[in-house]
């Protein structure tokens, strides 16, 4: 880096990345993937409902709801940063679900897998 002044150094980095947008995109994709992998590992590595473990399908779920409100206060990928910065809370407020189970829970109140588990056990829902 050619500048000792922090403001000039920041400007130099910004201009450098503007000339090389593909490098900036790759860098941020790597950071985001590493962060998501850390979150997945911290919350068990698989969907708590169906057991799916494909990285691309796993998401964080707010167990007692309130996810939309929380995500508005920390939009986008920042939820993963919030979890990391708060020590990956293990107090039962968050769980790892695949996108299908998370979607079903949000739309229908519970995932169809829950009903299937009761059916297999011969229990009434």
Protein backbone atom coordinates (compact mmCIF):
# COMPACT_ATOMS: atom_id res chain seq x y z
CA UNK A 1 0.00 0.00 0.00
CA UNK A 2 1.61 3.26 -1.09
CA UNK A 3 0.10 5.56 1.58
CA UNK A 4 0.69 5.85 5.31
CA UNK A 5 -2.24 8.20 5.79
CA UNK A 6 -5.30 6.00 6.59
CA UNK A 7 -7.70 8.15 4.56
CA UNK A 8 -5.47 8.13 1.48
CA UNK A 9 -4.90 4.37 1.92
CA UNK A 10 -8.65 3.77 2.06
CA UNK A 11 -9.14 5.82 -1.10
CA UNK A 12 -6.33 3.92 -2.82
CA UNK A 13 -7.96 0.55 -1.93
CA UNK A 14 -11.34 1.75 -3.16
CA UNK A 15 -9.88 2.85 -6.49
CA UNK A 16 -7.88 -0.38 -6.80
CA UNK A 17 -11.01 -2.49 -6.32
CA UNK A 18 -12.99 -0.32 -8.74
CA UNK A 19 -10.44 -1.19 -11.40
CA UNK A 20 -10.71 -4.90 -10.48
CA UNK A 21 -14.39 -5.59 -9.62
CA UNK A 22 -14.02 -9.34 -10.16
CA UNK A 23 -11.39 -9.53 -7.38
CA UNK A 24 -13.58 -7.56 -5.01
CA UNK A 25 -16.56 -9.83 -5.77
CA UNK A 26 -14.48 -13.00 -5.20
CA UNK A 27 -13.05 -11.62 -1.97
CA UNK A 28 -16.47 -10.78 -0.53
CA UNK A 29 -17.94 -14.10 -1.66
CA UNK A 30 -15.12 -15.89 0.17
CA UNK A 31 -15.72 -13.84 3.32
CA UNK A 32 -19.48 -14.49 3.19
CA UNK A 33 -19.01 -18.23 2.63
CA UNK A 34 -16.54 -18.50 5.53
CA UNK A 35 -18.96 -16.65 7.79
CA UNK A 36 -21.92 -18.84 6.79
CA UNK A 37 -19.81 -21.99 7.29
CA UNK A 38 -18.96 -20.80 10.82
CA UNK A 39 -22.65 -20.22 11.58
CA UNK A 40 -23.60 -23.63 10.19
CA UNK A 41 -20.93 -25.33 12.27
CA UNK A 42 -21.99 -23.45 15.41
CA UNK A 43 -25.61 -24.59 15.02
CA UNK A 44 -25.03 -28.26 14.35
CA UNK A 45 -24.25 -28.52 10.62
CA UNK A 46 -27.63 -29.89 9.52
CA UNK A 47 -31.33 -29.05 9.40
CA UNK A 48 -32.83 -29.64 12.82
CA UNK A 49 -36.07 -30.88 11.23
CA UNK A 50 -35.13 -33.11 8.26
CA UNK A 51 -31.37 -33.53 8.68
CA UNK A 52 -30.37 -32.00 5.32
CA UNK A 53 -26.73 -30.92 5.41
CA UNK A 54 -26.19 -29.21 2.04
CA UNK A 55 -24.53 -25.86 2.72
CA UNK A 56 -26.50 -24.05 0.01
CA UNK A 57 -29.89 -24.99 1.54
CA UNK A 58 -29.23 -24.23 5.21
CA UNK A 59 -30.58 -21.10 6.87
CA UNK A 60 -30.98 -19.66 10.35
CA UNK A 61 -34.46 -19.82 11.86
CA UNK A 62 -35.79 -17.81 14.78
CA UNK A 63 -37.40 -20.58 16.87
CA UNK A 64 -40.16 -18.46 18.41
CA UNK A 65 -40.72 -16.26 15.35
CA UNK A 66 -39.75 -12.64 15.15
CA UNK A 67 -37.26 -13.29 12.36
CA UNK A 68 -38.64 -10.60 10.08
CA UNK A 69 -38.39 -7.96 12.79
CA UNK A 70 -34.87 -9.05 13.73
CA UNK A 71 -33.74 -9.18 10.09
CA UNK A 72 -35.04 -5.66 9.49
CA UNK A 73 -32.78 -4.44 12.26
CA UNK A 74 -29.78 -6.36 10.79
CA UNK A 75 -30.63 -6.72 7.06
CA UNK A 76 -29.22 -9.25 4.62
CA UNK A 77 -26.17 -11.31 5.41
CA UNK A 78 -25.67 -9.22 8.55
CA UNK A 79 -27.73 -11.75 10.55
CA UNK A 80 -24.74 -14.10 10.29
CA UNK A 81 -22.41 -11.33 11.45
CA UNK A 82 -24.77 -10.54 14.31
CA UNK A 83 -24.74 -14.20 15.39
CA UNK A 84 -20.92 -14.34 15.22
CA UNK A 85 -20.47 -11.03 17.05
CA UNK A 86 -22.83 -12.22 19.79
CA UNK A 87 -20.99 -15.51 20.30
CA UNK A 88 -23.41 -17.73 18.34
CA UNK A 89 -26.13 -17.66 21.04
CA UNK A 90 -27.10 -21.17 22.15
CA UNK A 91 -30.06 -20.05 24.25
CA UNK A 92 -32.67 -21.72 22.06
CA UNK A 93 -33.67 -18.62 20.08
CA UNK A 94 -31.99 -19.82 16.86
CA UNK A 95 -31.79 -23.10 15.00
CA UNK A 96 -30.51 -24.32 11.66
CA UNK A 97 -33.19 -25.32 9.13
CA UNK A 98 -33.05 -26.07 5.43
CA UNK A 99 -34.82 -23.52 3.26
CA UNK A 100 -37.78 -25.88 2.68
CA UNK A 101 -38.43 -26.51 6.37
CA UNK A 102 -37.91 -22.82 7.19
CA UNK A 103 -40.31 -21.74 4.45
CA UNK A 104 -42.97 -24.27 5.50
CA UNK A 105 -42.66 -23.20 9.13
CA UNK A 106 -43.06 -19.55 8.14
CA UNK A 107 -46.06 -20.13 5.87
CA UNK A 108 -47.90 -22.99 7.59
CA UNK A 109 -46.75 -22.65 11.18
CA UNK A 110 -44.90 -25.97 11.14
CA UNK A 111 -42.96 -28.11 8.73
CA UNK A 112 -44.70 -31.15 7.15
CA UNK A 113 -41.87 -33.27 8.57
CA UNK A 114 -43.27 -32.67 12.05
CA UNK A 115 -46.60 -34.24 11.04
CA UNK A 116 -44.79 -37.12 9.33
CA UNK A 117 -42.82 -37.81 12.51
CA UNK A 118 -46.06 -37.99 14.50
CA UNK A 119 -47.64 -40.28 11.88
CA UNK A 120 -44.67 -42.65 11.98
CA UNK A 121 -44.86 -42.83 15.77
CA UNK A 122 -48.65 -43.36 15.62
CA UNK A 123 -49.36 -40.18 17.59
CA UNK A 124 -52.10 -37.68 16.86
CA UNK A 125 -51.07 -34.15 15.97
